[in-house]
Amino acid sequence: MRLIRLKEVMHICGLGRSSIYKFMEEGRFPKSVSLGDRAVAWVESEIEQWIEERLVDRD
């Protein structure tokens, strides 16, 4: 399992910071994991799965 930070999440999925947090709040994007007081990351496999679901939906 690999944890990735916001900058990499934005690069991988093509969304901006505000969109990622908005979608998280709406339950439409994987939740972040707390790494400490001011640091969060995402599980890379959850981000990859989210992207794959978007690709399947477009067919």
N, C-alpha and C. Protein backbone atom coordinates (compact mmCIF):
# COMPACT_ATOMS: atom_id res chain seq x y z
N MET A 1 0.86 -1.18 0.00
CA MET A 1 0.00 0.00 0.00
C MET A 1 0.90 1.24 0.00
N ARG A 2 0.53 2.20 -0.81
CA ARG A 2 1.30 3.44 -0.92
C ARG A 2 0.40 4.63 -0.65
N LEU A 3 0.89 5.56 0.15
CA LEU A 3 0.16 6.80 0.41
C LEU A 3 0.75 7.90 -0.45
N ILE A 4 -0.12 8.71 -1.04
CA ILE A 4 0.34 9.80 -1.89
C ILE A 4 -0.22 11.12 -1.40
N ARG A 5 0.57 12.16 -1.56
CA ARG A 5 0.19 13.49 -1.08
C ARG A 5 -0.66 14.22 -2.12
N LEU A 6 -1.23 15.34 -1.73
CA LEU A 6 -2.18 16.08 -2.55
C LEU A 6 -1.63 16.43 -3.92
N LYS A 7 -0.40 16.89 -4.00
CA LYS A 7 0.16 17.30 -5.29
C LYS A 7 0.13 16.15 -6.30
N GLU A 8 0.47 14.95 -5.83
CA GLU A 8 0.45 13.79 -6.72
C GLU A 8 -0.97 13.37 -7.06
N VAL A 9 -1.88 13.46 -6.10
CA VAL A 9 -3.28 13.15 -6.36
C VAL A 9 -3.82 14.08 -7.46
N MET A 10 -3.52 15.36 -7.34
CA MET A 10 -3.97 16.33 -8.34
C MET A 10 -3.40 15.99 -9.71
N HIS A 11 -2.13 15.60 -9.76
CA HIS A 11 -1.49 15.26 -11.02
C HIS A 11 -2.12 14.01 -11.64
N ILE A 12 -2.38 13.01 -10.83
CA ILE A 12 -2.92 11.74 -11.32
C ILE A 12 -4.35 11.89 -11.84
N CYS A 13 -5.20 12.58 -11.07
CA CYS A 13 -6.62 12.61 -11.43
C CYS A 13 -7.02 13.84 -12.23
N GLY A 14 -6.15 14.83 -12.29
CA GLY A 14 -6.46 16.01 -13.10
C GLY A 14 -7.40 17.01 -12.45
N LEU A 15 -7.66 16.85 -11.18
CA LEU A 15 -8.54 17.78 -10.46
C LEU A 15 -7.70 18.75 -9.65
N GLY A 16 -8.28 19.90 -9.36
CA GLY A 16 -7.63 20.87 -8.49
C GLY A 16 -7.94 20.59 -7.04
N ARG A 17 -7.23 21.28 -6.17
CA ARG A 17 -7.37 21.08 -4.73
C ARG A 17 -8.81 21.28 -4.26
N SER A 18 -9.42 22.38 -4.66
CA SER A 18 -10.78 22.68 -4.19
C SER A 18 -11.79 21.65 -4.68
N SER A 19 -11.62 21.16 -5.90
CA SER A 19 -12.53 20.14 -6.43
C SER A 19 -12.38 18.84 -5.66
N ILE A 20 -11.15 18.46 -5.36
CA ILE A 20 -10.91 17.23 -4.60
C ILE A 20 -11.61 17.30 -3.24
N TYR A 21 -11.42 18.40 -2.52
CA TYR A 21 -12.04 18.53 -1.20
C TYR A 21 -13.56 18.65 -1.29
N LYS A 22 -14.06 19.29 -2.32
CA LYS A 22 -15.52 19.38 -2.52
C LYS A 22 -16.10 18.00 -2.78
N PHE A 23 -15.47 17.24 -3.68
CA PHE A 23 -15.95 15.89 -3.97
C PHE A 23 -15.84 14.98 -2.75
N MET A 24 -14.78 15.14 -1.95
CA MET A 24 -14.66 14.36 -0.72
C MET A 24 -15.82 14.65 0.22
N GLU A 25 -16.14 15.93 0.35
CA GLU A 25 -17.23 16.34 1.24
C GLU A 25 -18.57 15.76 0.77
N GLU A 26 -18.73 15.64 -0.54
CA GLU A 26 -19.96 15.10 -1.12
C GLU A 26 -19.97 13.58 -1.15
N GLY A 27 -18.86 12.94 -0.75
CA GLY A 27 -18.78 11.49 -0.77
C GLY A 27 -18.50 10.93 -2.15
N ARG A 28 -17.98 11.77 -3.05
CA ARG A 28 -17.75 11.35 -4.43
C ARG A 28 -16.26 11.16 -4.75
N PHE A 29 -15.41 11.20 -3.73
CA PHE A 29 -13.97 11.04 -3.91
C PHE A 29 -13.42 10.37 -2.66
N PRO A 30 -12.39 9.54 -2.80
CA PRO A 30 -11.83 8.85 -1.62
C PRO A 30 -11.40 9.83 -0.52
N LYS A 31 -11.62 9.43 0.70
CA LYS A 31 -11.24 10.24 1.86
C LYS A 31 -9.74 10.20 2.07
N SER A 32 -9.21 11.28 2.59
CA SER A 32 -7.79 11.34 2.91
C SER A 32 -7.54 10.66 4.26
N VAL A 33 -6.28 10.34 4.50
CA VAL A 33 -5.82 9.71 5.73
C VAL A 33 -4.93 10.71 6.44
N SER A 34 -5.15 10.92 7.73
CA SER A 34 -4.33 11.84 8.49
C SER A 34 -2.97 11.23 8.77
N LEU A 35 -1.93 12.03 8.50
CA LEU A 35 -0.56 11.60 8.78
C LEU A 35 0.01 12.29 10.01
N GLY A 36 -0.71 13.25 10.52
CA GLY A 36 -0.24 14.02 11.67
C GLY A 36 -1.10 15.25 11.82
N ASP A 37 -0.58 16.24 12.52
CA ASP A 37 -1.35 17.45 12.79
C ASP A 37 -1.79 18.18 11.53
N ARG A 38 -0.89 18.34 10.57
CA ARG A 38 -1.22 19.14 9.39
C ARG A 38 -0.91 18.44 8.08
N ALA A 39 -0.83 17.12 8.10
CA ALA A 39 -0.47 16.38 6.89
C ALA A 39 -1.50 15.29 6.61
N VAL A 40 -1.91 15.22 5.35
CA VAL A 40 -2.83 14.16 4.92
C VAL A 40 -2.29 13.53 3.64
N ALA A 41 -2.79 12.34 3.36
CA ALA A 41 -2.43 11.64 2.13
C ALA A 41 -3.62 10.77 1.74
N TRP A 42 -3.54 10.19 0.56
CA TRP A 42 -4.57 9.31 0.06
C TRP A 42 -3.96 7.97 -0.25
N VAL A 43 -4.76 6.91 -0.16
CA VAL A 43 -4.30 5.58 -0.54
C VAL A 43 -4.30 5.52 -2.06
N GLU A 44 -3.14 5.26 -2.62
CA GLU A 44 -2.98 5.30 -4.08
C GLU A 44 -3.97 4.37 -4.79
N SER A 45 -4.18 3.18 -4.27
CA SER A 45 -5.09 2.23 -4.92
C SER A 45 -6.53 2.74 -4.94
N GLU A 46 -6.92 3.50 -3.93
CA GLU A 46 -8.28 4.07 -3.91
C GLU A 46 -8.43 5.15 -4.98
N ILE A 47 -7.38 5.93 -5.20
CA ILE A 47 -7.41 6.95 -6.25
C ILE A 47 -7.46 6.27 -7.62
N GLU A 48 -6.65 5.23 -7.80
CA GLU A 48 -6.66 4.49 -9.07
C GLU A 48 -8.02 3.88 -9.34
N GLN A 49 -8.65 3.32 -8.30
CA GLN A 49 -9.98 2.73 -8.45
C GLN A 49 -11.01 3.80 -8.83
N TRP A 50 -10.91 4.97 -8.21
CA TRP A 50 -11.82 6.07 -8.52
C TRP A 50 -11.70 6.45 -10.00
N ILE A 51 -10.48 6.52 -10.51
CA ILE A 51 -10.25 6.86 -11.91
C ILE A 51 -10.83 5.76 -12.81
N GLU A 52 -10.58 4.50 -12.49
CA GLU A 52 -11.11 3.40 -13.28
C GLU A 52 -12.63 3.42 -13.34
N GLU A 53 -13.28 3.76 -12.24
CA GLU A 53 -14.74 3.87 -12.22
C GLU A 53 -15.22 4.96 -13.16
N ARG A 54 -14.50 6.06 -13.25
CA ARG A 54 -14.87 7.14 -14.17
C ARG A 54 -14.75 6.66 -15.63
N LEU A 55 -13.72 5.86 -15.91
CA LEU A 55 -13.51 5.36 -17.26
C LEU A 55 -14.59 4.37 -17.67
N VAL A 56 -15.04 3.53 -16.74
CA VAL A 56 -16.09 2.58 -17.02
C VAL A 56 -17.40 3.31 -17.28
N ASP A 57 -17.67 4.37 -16.53
CA ASP A 57 -18.92 5.11 -16.65
C ASP A 57 -19.07 5.79 -18.00
N ARG A 58 -17.97 6.07 -18.69
CA ARG A 58 -18.07 6.78 -19.96
C ARG A 58 -18.41 5.87 -21.13
N ASP A 59 -18.35 4.55 -20.92
CA ASP A 59 -18.68 3.62 -22.02
C ASP A 59 -20.15 3.56 -22.31
